[in-house]
Amino acid sequence: MLDKIDKKLLSLLQVDSSVSLNTLAEAVNLTSTPCWKRLKRLEDEGYILGRVTLLDSEKLGLGLTVIVMIRTQHHNSEWYEQFVTFVNQMPEVMAFYRMAGEYDYLMQVEVRDMKSYDLFYKKLVNGVQGLIDVTSSFAMERIKYTTALPIPD
């Protein structure tokens, strides 16, 4: 179970994972050793999956965000494993979900432009057998983007 201090630590780290141990400890009213032990426990228990640096996609020339919805005619485990392996090797895919509802899979794809997306699309549909519908929606404006999860009370 997470207590109030654990939740505060997780919230602080989601905002800035480079914050020093001393700063974290002060923010939660602990000394550095018990604070470090809590962080280690949170990592060991899988609450903290990693620490990363977020990059600006536009500054990197990745100006097109595409939401790709996919229907397939295959639902067996062998096809699923091949599909997941194939998609996981595509660096343009930022998020990938198996869905319930009208579509079987959903992806968030980040590419330079429409030509780059067309190359991605061709690689996807030629590399995976059994896709019966690949529908793409193009983001015109990013209104909200966060990696910070809401931590329940």
Protein backbone atom coordinates (compact mmCIF):
# COMPACT_ATOMS: atom_id res chain seq x y z
CA MET A 1 0.00 0.00 0.00
CA LEU A 2 1.13 3.50 -0.76
CA ASP A 3 1.03 6.01 2.05
CA LYS A 4 0.85 9.80 1.81
CA ILE A 5 4.64 10.17 1.63
CA ASP A 6 4.97 7.57 -1.14
CA LYS A 7 2.29 9.34 -3.16
CA LYS A 8 3.99 12.71 -2.69
CA LEU A 9 7.33 11.25 -3.82
CA LEU A 10 5.73 9.75 -6.92
CA SER A 11 4.00 13.03 -7.73
CA LEU A 12 7.23 14.99 -7.39
CA LEU A 13 9.20 12.54 -9.52
CA GLN A 14 6.59 12.68 -12.29
CA VAL A 15 7.15 16.43 -12.56
CA ASP A 16 10.96 16.23 -12.50
CA SER A 17 12.81 12.95 -12.16
CA SER A 18 16.15 14.75 -11.96
CA VAL A 19 15.33 16.37 -8.62
CA SER A 20 17.97 15.60 -6.00
CA LEU A 21 17.46 13.12 -3.19
CA ASN A 22 17.94 15.92 -0.65
CA THR A 23 15.24 18.04 -2.29
CA LEU A 24 12.84 15.08 -2.35
CA ALA A 25 13.59 14.27 1.28
CA GLU A 26 12.93 17.88 2.35
CA ALA A 27 9.68 17.99 0.39
CA VAL A 28 8.32 14.96 2.26
CA ASN A 29 9.85 15.81 5.63
CA LEU A 30 12.35 12.92 5.75
CA THR A 31 16.10 12.64 5.94
CA SER A 32 17.89 11.34 2.86
CA THR A 33 18.39 7.72 3.99
CA PRO A 34 14.71 6.89 4.71
CA CYS A 35 13.73 8.80 1.57
CA TRP A 36 16.20 6.75 -0.51
CA LYS A 37 14.84 3.53 1.05
CA ARG A 38 11.30 4.51 0.06
CA LEU A 39 12.39 5.28 -3.49
CA LYS A 40 14.21 1.95 -3.70
CA ARG A 41 11.11 0.12 -2.42
CA LEU A 42 8.89 1.96 -4.93
CA GLU A 43 11.25 0.86 -7.71
CA ASP A 44 11.46 -2.72 -6.42
CA GLU A 45 7.67 -2.94 -6.20
CA GLY A 46 7.29 -1.67 -9.77
CA TYR A 47 5.66 1.71 -9.06
CA ILE A 48 8.64 3.44 -10.67
CA LEU A 49 9.27 1.85 -14.05
CA GLY A 50 12.14 4.08 -15.13
CA ARG A 51 13.43 7.63 -15.25
CA VAL A 52 13.49 9.36 -18.61
CA THR A 53 13.98 12.70 -20.28
CA LEU A 54 11.02 13.97 -22.31
CA LEU A 55 11.90 15.50 -25.67
CA ASP A 56 10.11 18.07 -27.81
CA SER A 57 8.83 16.21 -30.86
CA GLU A 58 8.42 19.38 -32.94
CA LYS A 59 12.00 20.52 -32.30
CA LEU A 60 13.13 17.07 -33.44
CA GLY A 61 11.17 17.51 -36.67
CA LEU A 62 8.39 15.10 -35.73
CA GLY A 63 5.50 17.39 -36.52
CA LEU A 64 2.77 14.90 -37.31
CA THR A 65 0.91 12.88 -34.68
CA VAL A 66 -1.26 10.10 -36.07
CA ILE A 67 -3.79 7.96 -34.25
CA VAL A 68 -4.03 4.64 -36.08
CA MET A 69 -6.96 2.29 -35.47
CA ILE A 70 -6.69 -1.27 -36.75
CA ARG A 71 -9.07 -4.16 -37.30
CA THR A 72 -7.78 -7.64 -38.00
CA GLN A 73 -9.24 -10.93 -39.09
CA HIS A 74 -6.82 -12.86 -36.87
CA HIS A 75 -7.22 -13.32 -33.14
CA ASN A 76 -4.99 -16.30 -32.39
CA SER A 77 -1.97 -16.10 -30.11
CA GLU A 78 0.61 -16.91 -32.80
CA TRP A 79 -0.56 -14.01 -35.01
CA TYR A 80 -0.78 -11.72 -31.97
CA GLU A 81 2.84 -12.46 -30.97
CA GLN A 82 4.08 -11.79 -34.52
CA PHE A 83 2.09 -8.56 -34.74
CA VAL A 84 3.29 -7.28 -31.36
CA THR A 85 6.91 -8.12 -32.20
CA PHE A 86 6.62 -6.34 -35.56
CA VAL A 87 5.04 -3.20 -34.11
CA ASN A 88 7.46 -3.04 -31.17
CA GLN A 89 10.29 -2.75 -33.71
CA MET A 90 8.76 0.38 -35.25
CA PRO A 91 10.25 3.41 -33.45
CA GLU A 92 7.52 5.71 -34.76
CA VAL A 93 4.95 3.93 -32.56
CA MET A 94 4.80 5.79 -29.25
CA ALA A 95 1.83 3.96 -27.75
CA PHE A 96 0.18 0.69 -28.74
CA TYR A 97 -3.00 -0.79 -27.23
CA ARG A 98 -5.16 -3.86 -27.73
CA MET A 99 -8.72 -2.60 -27.60
CA ALA A 100 -12.24 -3.72 -26.84
CA GLY A 101 -14.88 -2.30 -29.11
CA GLU A 102 -15.03 -1.39 -32.79
CA TYR A 103 -11.26 -1.57 -33.37
CA ASP A 104 -8.85 -4.28 -32.26
CA TYR A 105 -5.72 -2.11 -31.85
CA LEU A 106 -4.86 1.55 -31.47
CA MET A 107 -1.48 3.23 -31.99
CA GLN A 108 -0.09 6.69 -31.50
CA VAL A 109 2.50 7.34 -34.19
CA GLU A 110 4.93 10.29 -34.38
CA VAL A 111 6.46 11.09 -37.78
CA ARG A 112 8.00 14.02 -39.65
CA ASP A 113 5.27 14.58 -42.22
CA MET A 114 2.64 12.94 -44.44
CA LYS A 115 5.28 11.36 -46.69
CA SER A 116 6.92 9.78 -43.63
CA TYR A 117 3.55 8.50 -42.47
CA ASP A 118 2.88 7.00 -45.90
CA LEU A 119 6.19 5.08 -45.65
CA PHE A 120 5.23 3.92 -42.13
CA TYR A 121 1.76 2.87 -43.34
CA LYS A 122 3.17 0.86 -46.26
CA LYS A 123 5.67 -0.87 -43.96
CA LEU A 124 2.85 -1.75 -41.55
CA VAL A 125 0.32 -3.09 -44.07
CA ASN A 126 2.97 -4.95 -46.09
CA GLY A 127 4.65 -6.37 -43.01
CA VAL A 128 1.57 -7.73 -41.23
CA GLN A 129 -0.85 -10.15 -42.85
CA GLY A 130 -4.52 -10.10 -41.89
CA LEU A 131 -5.16 -6.40 -41.30
CA ILE A 132 -8.61 -5.68 -42.70
CA ASP A 133 -8.96 -2.01 -41.78
CA VAL A 134 -6.29 0.56 -40.94
CA THR A 135 -7.85 3.94 -40.21
CA SER A 136 -5.72 7.01 -39.54
CA SER A 137 -6.65 10.28 -37.86
CA PHE A 138 -4.23 13.21 -37.92
CA ALA A 139 -3.84 15.56 -34.98
CA MET A 140 -4.10 19.22 -35.96
CA GLU A 141 -3.12 20.61 -32.55
CA ARG A 142 -1.79 19.16 -29.30
CA ILE A 143 -4.00 20.65 -26.61
CA LYS A 144 -2.83 18.57 -23.67
CA TYR A 145 0.04 16.15 -23.27
CA THR A 146 1.29 14.69 -20.03
CA THR A 147 3.05 11.62 -18.82
CA ALA A 148 2.06 12.31 -15.20
CA LEU A 149 -0.51 9.82 -13.93
CA PRO A 150 -3.19 10.95 -11.48
CA ILE A 151 -2.28 9.31 -8.18
CA PRO A 152 -5.43 8.18 -6.35
CA ASP A 153 -6.00 9.35 -2.79
